[in-house]
C-alpha atoms as a PDB file:
ATOM      1  CA  UNK A   1      39.347  33.287   1.830  1.00  0.00           C
ATOM      2  CA  UNK A   2      36.839  32.276   4.499  1.00  0.00           C
ATOM      3  CA  UNK A   3      33.958  33.144   2.157  1.00  0.00           C
ATOM      4  CA  UNK A   4      35.495  31.008  -0.589  1.00  0.00           C
ATOM      5  CA  UNK A   5      35.840  28.039   1.770  1.00  0.00           C
ATOM      6  CA  UNK A   6      32.233  28.433   2.910  1.00  0.00           C
ATOM      7  CA  UNK A   7      31.032  28.668  -0.684  1.00  0.00           C
ATOM      8  CA  UNK A   8      32.953  25.527  -1.669  1.00  0.00           C
ATOM      9  CA  UNK A   9      31.599  23.688   1.395  1.00  0.00           C
ATOM     10  CA  UNK A  10      28.041  24.738   0.556  1.00  0.00           C
ATOM     11  CA  UNK A  11      28.466  23.652  -3.066  1.00  0.00           C
ATOM     12  CA  UNK A  12      29.872  20.280  -1.963  1.00  0.00           C
ATOM     13  CA  UNK A  13      26.998  19.741   0.461  1.00  0.00           C
ATOM     14  CA  UNK A  14      24.407  20.696  -2.148  1.00  0.00           C
ATOM     15  CA  UNK A  15      25.997  18.332  -4.674  1.00  0.00           C
ATOM     16  CA  UNK A  16      26.017  15.492  -2.140  1.00  0.00           C
ATOM     17  CA  UNK A  17      22.352  16.066  -1.272  1.00  0.00           C
ATOM     18  CA  UNK A  18      21.428  16.159  -4.954  1.00  0.00           C
ATOM     19  CA  UNK A  19      23.294  12.905  -5.627  1.00  0.00           C
ATOM     20  CA  UNK A  20      21.619  11.220  -2.675  1.00  0.00           C
ATOM     21  CA  UNK A  21      18.214  12.422  -3.865  1.00  0.00           C
ATOM     22  CA  UNK A  22      18.887  11.076  -7.365  1.00  0.00           C
ATOM     23  CA  UNK A  23      19.928   7.692  -5.943  1.00  0.00           C
ATOM     24  CA  UNK A  24      16.764   7.587  -3.835  1.00  0.00           C
ATOM     25  CA  UNK A  25      14.535   8.441  -6.797  1.00  0.00           C
ATOM     26  CA  UNK A  26      16.217   5.872  -9.035  1.00  0.00           C
ATOM     27  CA  UNK A  27      16.011   3.108  -6.422  1.00  0.00           C
ATOM     28  CA  UNK A  28      12.358   3.840  -5.705  1.00  0.00           C
ATOM     29  CA  UNK A  29      11.381   3.963  -9.388  1.00  0.00           C
ATOM     30  CA  UNK A  30      13.121   0.682 -10.156  1.00  0.00           C
ATOM     31  CA  UNK A  31      11.478  -1.152  -7.279  1.00  0.00           C
ATOM     32  CA  UNK A  32       8.006   0.345  -7.832  1.00  0.00           C
ATOM     33  CA  UNK A  33       8.194  -0.684 -11.504  1.00  0.00           C
ATOM     34  CA  UNK A  34       8.927  -4.269 -10.435  1.00  0.00           C
ATOM     35  CA  UNK A  35       5.863  -4.653  -8.189  1.00  0.00           C
ATOM     36  CA  UNK A  36       3.314  -5.690 -10.832  1.00  0.00           C
ATOM     37  CA  UNK A  37       5.404  -8.500 -12.323  1.00  0.00           C
ATOM     38  CA  UNK A  38       6.460  -9.733  -8.880  1.00  0.00           C
ATOM     39  CA  UNK A  39       2.991 -11.211  -8.313  1.00  0.00           C
ATOM     40  CA  UNK A  40       3.963 -14.058 -10.631  1.00  0.00           C
ATOM     41  CA  UNK A  41       6.354 -15.287  -7.941  1.00  0.00           C
ATOM     42  CA  UNK A  42       5.510 -14.529  -4.280  1.00  0.00           C
ATOM     43  CA  UNK A  43       9.200 -14.715  -3.293  1.00  0.00           C
ATOM     44  CA  UNK A  44       9.807 -11.657  -5.489  1.00  0.00           C
ATOM     45  CA  UNK A  45       7.314  -9.678  -3.414  1.00  0.00           C
ATOM     46  CA  UNK A  46       9.275 -10.491  -0.286  1.00  0.00           C
ATOM     47  CA  UNK A  47      12.511  -9.459  -1.990  1.00  0.00           C
ATOM     48  CA  UNK A  48      10.927  -6.164  -2.981  1.00  0.00           C
ATOM     49  CA  UNK A  49       9.678  -5.624   0.574  1.00  0.00           C
ATOM     50  CA  UNK A  50      13.255  -6.074   1.768  1.00  0.00           C
ATOM     51  CA  UNK A  51      14.542  -3.686  -0.906  1.00  0.00           C
ATOM     52  CA  UNK A  52      12.084  -0.977   0.121  1.00  0.00           C
ATOM     53  CA  UNK A  53      12.924  -1.497   3.791  1.00  0.00           C
ATOM     54  CA  UNK A  54      16.626  -0.984   3.030  1.00  0.00           C
ATOM     55  CA  UNK A  55      15.782   2.243   1.192  1.00  0.00           C
ATOM     56  CA  UNK A  56      13.625   3.321   4.143  1.00  0.00           C
ATOM     57  CA  UNK A  57      16.431   2.654   6.614  1.00  0.00           C
ATOM     58  CA  UNK A  58      18.738   4.831   4.530  1.00  0.00           C
ATOM     59  CA  UNK A  59      16.132   7.571   4.037  1.00  0.00           C
ATOM     60  CA  UNK A  60      14.646   7.697   7.517  1.00  0.00           C
ATOM     61  CA  UNK A  61      12.415  10.734   6.900  1.00  0.00           C
ATOM     62  CA  UNK A  62      10.611   9.306   3.866  1.00  0.00           C
ATOM     63  CA  UNK A  63       7.302   7.510   4.442  1.00  0.00           C
ATOM     64  CA  UNK A  64       6.935   6.030   0.949  1.00  0.00           C
ATOM     65  CA  UNK A  65       9.659   3.337   1.223  1.00  0.00           C
ATOM     66  CA  UNK A  66       8.093   2.025   4.439  1.00  0.00           C
ATOM     67  CA  UNK A  67       4.675   2.164   2.767  1.00  0.00           C
ATOM     68  CA  UNK A  68       5.794   0.126  -0.245  1.00  0.00           C
ATOM     69  CA  UNK A  69       7.670  -2.320   1.981  1.00  0.00           C
ATOM     70  CA  UNK A  70       4.449  -2.909   3.932  1.00  0.00           C
ATOM     71  CA  UNK A  71       2.380  -3.133   0.733  1.00  0.00           C
ATOM     72  CA  UNK A  72       4.654  -5.824  -0.719  1.00  0.00           C
ATOM     73  CA  UNK A  73       4.764  -7.638   2.608  1.00  0.00           C
ATOM     74  CA  UNK A  74       0.972  -7.802   2.974  1.00  0.00           C
ATOM     75  CA  UNK A  75       0.528  -8.910  -0.638  1.00  0.00           C
ATOM     76  CA  UNK A  76       3.034 -11.653   0.105  1.00  0.00           C
ATOM     77  CA  UNK A  77       0.809 -12.628   3.051  1.00  0.00           C
ATOM     78  CA  UNK A  78      -2.184 -12.847   0.692  1.00  0.00           C
ATOM     79  CA  UNK A  79      -0.291 -15.291  -1.508  1.00  0.00           C
ATOM     80  CA  UNK A  80       1.079 -17.479   1.296  1.00  0.00           C
ATOM     81  CA  UNK A  81      -0.533 -20.915   1.098  1.00  0.00           C
ATOM     82  CA  UNK A  82       0.480 -22.018   4.599  1.00  0.00           C
ATOM     83  CA  UNK A  83      -2.018 -20.252   6.861  1.00  0.00           C
ATOM     84  CA  UNK A  84       0.136 -20.869   9.932  1.00  0.00           C
ATOM     85  CA  UNK A  85       2.685 -18.402   8.506  1.00  0.00           C
ATOM     86  CA  UNK A  86       0.330 -15.572   7.580  1.00  0.00           C
ATOM     87  CA  UNK A  87       0.073 -13.867  10.991  1.00  0.00           C
ATOM     88  CA  UNK A  88       3.849 -13.448  11.272  1.00  0.00           C
ATOM     89  CA  UNK A  89       4.086 -12.039   7.751  1.00  0.00           C
ATOM     90  CA  UNK A  90       1.238  -9.624   8.470  1.00  0.00           C
ATOM     91  CA  UNK A  91       2.821  -8.595  11.773  1.00  0.00           C
ATOM     92  CA  UNK A  92       5.974  -7.615   9.884  1.00  0.00           C
ATOM     93  CA  UNK A  93       3.819  -5.524   7.533  1.00  0.00           C
ATOM     94  CA  UNK A  94       2.323  -3.808  10.588  1.00  0.00           C
ATOM     95  CA  UNK A  95       5.769  -2.844  11.871  1.00  0.00           C
ATOM     96  CA  UNK A  96       6.578  -1.298   8.499  1.00  0.00           C
ATOM     97  CA  UNK A  97       3.307   0.585   8.024  1.00  0.00           C
ATOM     98  CA  UNK A  98       3.492   1.913  11.591  1.00  0.00           C
ATOM     99  CA  UNK A  99       6.831   3.515  10.693  1.00  0.00           C
ATOM    100  CA  UNK A 100       5.232   5.091   7.629  1.00  0.00           C
ATOM    101  CA  UNK A 101       2.363   6.280   9.810  1.00  0.00           C
ATOM    102  CA  UNK A 102       4.755   7.950  12.256  1.00  0.00           C
ATOM    103  CA  UNK A 103       6.204   9.970   9.357  1.00  0.00           C
ATOM    104  CA  UNK A 104       2.888  10.765   7.658  1.00  0.00           C
ATOM    105  CA  UNK A 105      -0.076  10.589  10.074  1.00  0.00           C
ATOM    106  CA  UNK A 106      -3.693  10.600   8.878  1.00  0.00           C
ATOM    107  CA  UNK A 107      -2.644   9.348   5.473  1.00  0.00           C
ATOM    108  CA  UNK A 108      -5.336   7.708   3.343  1.00  0.00           C
ATOM    109  CA  UNK A 109      -2.884   5.416   1.549  1.00  0.00           C
ATOM    110  CA  UNK A 110      -1.458   4.183   4.847  1.00  0.00           C
ATOM    111  CA  UNK A 111      -4.942   3.501   6.183  1.00  0.00           C
ATOM    112  CA  UNK A 112      -5.625   1.379   3.086  1.00  0.00           C
ATOM    113  CA  UNK A 113      -2.606  -0.814   3.811  1.00  0.00           C
ATOM    114  CA  UNK A 114      -3.697  -1.136   7.441  1.00  0.00           C
ATOM    115  CA  UNK A 115      -7.042  -2.454   6.198  1.00  0.00           C
ATOM    116  CA  UNK A 116      -5.227  -4.933   3.965  1.00  0.00           C
ATOM    117  CA  UNK A 117      -3.174  -6.180   6.907  1.00  0.00           C
ATOM    118  CA  UNK A 118      -6.319  -6.721   8.968  1.00  0.00           C
ATOM    119  CA  UNK A 119      -7.808  -8.594   6.004  1.00  0.00           C
ATOM    120  CA  UNK A 120      -4.790 -10.885   5.798  1.00  0.00           C
ATOM    121  CA  UNK A 121      -5.132 -11.730   9.491  1.00  0.00           C
ATOM    122  CA  UNK A 122      -8.820 -12.511   8.949  1.00  0.00           C
ATOM    123  CA  UNK A 123      -7.992 -14.848   6.047  1.00  0.00           C
ATOM    124  CA  UNK A 124      -6.340 -17.274   8.456  1.00  0.00           C
ATOM    125  CA  UNK A 125      -9.780 -18.227   9.792  1.00  0.00           C
ATOM    126  CA  UNK A 126     -12.580 -16.007   8.456  1.00  0.00           C
ATOM    127  CA  UNK A 127     -15.362 -17.601  10.492  1.00  0.00           C
ATOM    128  CA  UNK A 128     -13.548 -17.206  13.811  1.00  0.00           C
ATOM    129  CA  UNK A 129     -11.870 -13.881  13.112  1.00  0.00           C
ATOM    130  CA  UNK A 130     -14.544 -11.911  11.275  1.00  0.00           C
ATOM    131  CA  UNK A 131     -15.898 -10.144  14.356  1.00  0.00           C
ATOM    132  CA  UNK A 132     -12.460  -8.801  15.295  1.00  0.00           C
ATOM    133  CA  UNK A 133     -10.830  -8.112  11.971  1.00  0.00           C
ATOM    134  CA  UNK A 134     -13.956  -7.315   9.940  1.00  0.00           C
ATOM    135  CA  UNK A 135     -14.551  -4.297  12.172  1.00  0.00           C
ATOM    136  CA  UNK A 136     -10.889  -3.287  11.917  1.00  0.00           C
ATOM    137  CA  UNK A 137     -10.945  -3.489   8.118  1.00  0.00           C
ATOM    138  CA  UNK A 138     -13.975  -1.196   7.933  1.00  0.00           C
ATOM    139  CA  UNK A 139     -12.501   1.180  10.503  1.00  0.00           C
ATOM    140  CA  UNK A 140      -9.384   1.725   8.408  1.00  0.00           C
ATOM    141  CA  UNK A 141     -11.303   2.003   5.129  1.00  0.00           C
ATOM    142  CA  UNK A 142     -13.711   4.552   6.595  1.00  0.00           C
ATOM    143  CA  UNK A 143     -10.724   6.530   7.868  1.00  0.00           C
ATOM    144  CA  UNK A 144      -9.055   6.342   4.437  1.00  0.00           C
ATOM    145  CA  UNK A 145     -12.169   7.728   2.731  1.00  0.00           C
ATOM    146  CA  UNK A 146     -12.342  10.649   5.142  1.00  0.00           C
ATOM    147  CA  UNK A 147      -8.606  11.376   4.941  1.00  0.00           C
ATOM    148  CA  UNK A 148      -8.741  11.681   1.159  1.00  0.00           C
ATOM    149  CA  UNK A 149     -12.192  11.530  -0.471  1.00  0.00           C
ATOM    150  CA  UNK A 150     -10.545  11.509  -3.917  1.00  0.00           C
ATOM    151  CA  UNK A 151      -8.458   8.385  -3.258  1.00  0.00           C
ATOM    152  CA  UNK A 152      -9.936   5.500  -5.310  1.00  0.00           C
ATOM    153  CA  UNK A 153      -8.269   2.724  -3.300  1.00  0.00           C
ATOM    154  CA  UNK A 154     -10.567   2.654  -0.226  1.00  0.00           C
ATOM    155  CA  UNK A 155     -13.620   1.940  -2.418  1.00  0.00           C
ATOM    156  CA  UNK A 156     -11.599  -0.550  -4.430  1.00  0.00           C
ATOM    157  CA  UNK A 157     -10.659  -2.513  -1.303  1.00  0.00           C
ATOM    158  CA  UNK A 158     -14.153  -2.237   0.142  1.00  0.00           C
ATOM    159  CA  UNK A 159     -15.778  -3.309  -3.115  1.00  0.00           C
ATOM    160  CA  UNK A 160     -13.391  -6.223  -3.517  1.00  0.00           C
ATOM    161  CA  UNK A 161     -14.197  -7.402   0.000  1.00  0.00           C
ATOM    162  CA  UNK A 162     -17.920  -7.173  -0.697  1.00  0.00           C
ATOM    163  CA  UNK A 163     -17.614  -9.091  -3.948  1.00  0.00           C
ATOM    164  CA  UNK A 164     -16.050 -12.063  -2.184  1.00  0.00           C
ATOM    165  CA  UNK A 165     -18.425 -11.939   0.778  1.00  0.00           C
ATOM    166  CA  UNK A 166     -21.302 -14.458   0.448  1.00  0.00           C
ATOM    167  CA  UNK A 167     -24.639 -12.924  -0.485  1.00  0.00           C
ATOM    168  CA  UNK A 168     -26.258 -14.231   2.703  1.00  0.00           C
ATOM    169  CA  UNK A 169     -23.825 -12.042   4.644  1.00  0.00           C
ATOM    170  CA  UNK A 170     -24.513  -8.910   2.608  1.00  0.00           C
ATOM    171  CA  UNK A 171     -21.953  -9.399  -0.137  1.00  0.00           C
ATOM    172  CA  UNK A 172     -21.897 -10.454  -3.759  1.00  0.00           C
ATOM    173  CA  UNK A 173     -21.783  -8.507  -7.006  1.00  0.00           C
ATOM    174  CA  UNK A 174     -25.045  -6.635  -6.461  1.00  0.00           C
ATOM    175  CA  UNK A 175     -23.618  -5.019  -3.337  1.00  0.00           C
ATOM    176  CA  UNK A 176     -20.075  -4.657  -4.597  1.00  0.00           C
ATOM    177  CA  UNK A 177     -20.767  -3.209  -8.054  1.00  0.00           C
ATOM    178  CA  UNK A 178     -21.777   0.364  -7.067  1.00  0.00           C
ATOM    179  CA  UNK A 179     -18.800   0.592  -4.701  1.00  0.00           C
ATOM    180  CA  UNK A 180     -16.407  -0.646  -7.394  1.00  0.00           C
ATOM    181  CA  UNK A 181     -17.942   1.754  -9.921  1.00  0.00           C
ATOM    182  CA  UNK A 182     -17.417   4.641  -7.510  1.00  0.00           C
ATOM    183  CA  UNK A 183     -13.788   3.555  -7.232  1.00  0.00           C
ATOM    184  CA  UNK A 184     -13.362   3.405 -11.015  1.00  0.00           C
ATOM    185  CA  UNK A 185     -14.867   6.880 -11.397  1.00  0.00           C
ATOM    186  CA  UNK A 186     -12.289   8.173  -8.954  1.00  0.00           C
ATOM    187  CA  UNK A 187      -9.465   6.315 -10.730  1.00  0.00           C
ATOM    188  CA  UNK A 188     -10.454   8.018 -13.989  1.00  0.00           C
ATOM    189  CA  UNK A 189      -9.938  11.414 -12.343  1.00  0.00           C
ATOM    190  CA  UNK A 190      -7.050  10.458 -10.051  1.00  0.00           C
ATOM    191  CA  UNK A 191      -3.565  11.937 -10.391  1.00  0.00           C
ATOM    192  CA  UNK A 192      -0.842  10.792  -7.958  1.00  0.00           C
ATOM    193  CA  UNK A 193       1.050  13.508  -6.110  1.00  0.00           C
ATOM    194  CA  UNK A 194       4.303  12.396  -7.755  1.00  0.00           C
ATOM    195  CA  UNK A 195       5.676   9.523  -9.821  1.00  0.00           C
ATOM    196  CA  UNK A 196       6.602   7.789  -6.561  1.00  0.00           C
ATOM    197  CA  UNK A 197       3.191   8.061  -4.928  1.00  0.00           C
ATOM    198  CA  UNK A 198       0.689   5.163  -4.985  1.00  0.00           C
ATOM    199  CA  UNK A 199      -1.063   4.650  -8.300  1.00  0.00           C
ATOM    200  CA  UNK A 200      -2.170   1.008  -8.233  1.00  0.00           C
ATOM    201  CA  UNK A 201      -5.483  -0.831  -8.397  1.00  0.00           C
ATOM    202  CA  UNK A 202      -7.329   0.473 -11.467  1.00  0.00           C
ATOM    203  CA  UNK A 203      -6.863  -2.645 -13.610  1.00  0.00           C
ATOM    204  CA  UNK A 204      -8.029  -4.820 -10.732  1.00  0.00           C
ATOM    205  CA  UNK A 205     -11.188  -2.728 -10.311  1.00  0.00           C
ATOM    206  CA  UNK A 206     -11.920  -3.018 -14.033  1.00  0.00           C
ATOM    207  CA  UNK A 207     -11.481  -6.785 -13.796  1.00  0.00           C
ATOM    208  CA  UNK A 208     -13.801  -7.076 -10.805  1.00  0.00           C
ATOM    209  CA  UNK A 209     -16.462  -4.953 -12.494  1.00  0.00           C
ATOM    210  CA  UNK A 210     -16.178  -7.096 -15.604  1.00  0.00           C
ATOM    211  CA  UNK A 211     -16.821 -10.188 -13.497  1.00  0.00           C
ATOM    212  CA  UNK A 212     -19.952  -8.552 -12.080  1.00  0.00           C
ATOM    213  CA  UNK A 213     -21.628  -7.862 -15.442  1.00  0.00           C
END
């Protein structure tokens, strides 16, 4: 009788875990699929960031929900027109990506988002903040390249930054193009670890390269 009770309990627990896993997968897929179209309305990015944070709070051992929450949050910062609000938005993204980092240290994708957050802070006043945040951006991108040499996103972010840097400061298409091409080459060979793992940026790289022809 005791063995039967234990078997039933084990089966119930396994079923509950499976159902929870299925709910997590479904919630993540739905929200990831909504990211691209959310750029049409910045408020949607913030809603998605909140959705991912709720998933993260329910699944406390998963780094990906915190990662996507931070990614949406920092992209929302990029699209904020009122520069006085950007630092607070970026600070929230930092809190989220730090939680992802605690669950998955030395992660190339997380380092990329950290570089994006530093970039958003710099956007508030590029002339005054370049010395501080320019170094931080490069620090995170260099780390991301070392953590995963096959990840195309560090070169994408670096190349994008170079493209929009004035030529007199070492930027422009001539400098950016080989970096963006290296990123595209990696995108063409890149396969995400799962359907939930990061797989964004290729279309943007192709667009940037097209603008540099």
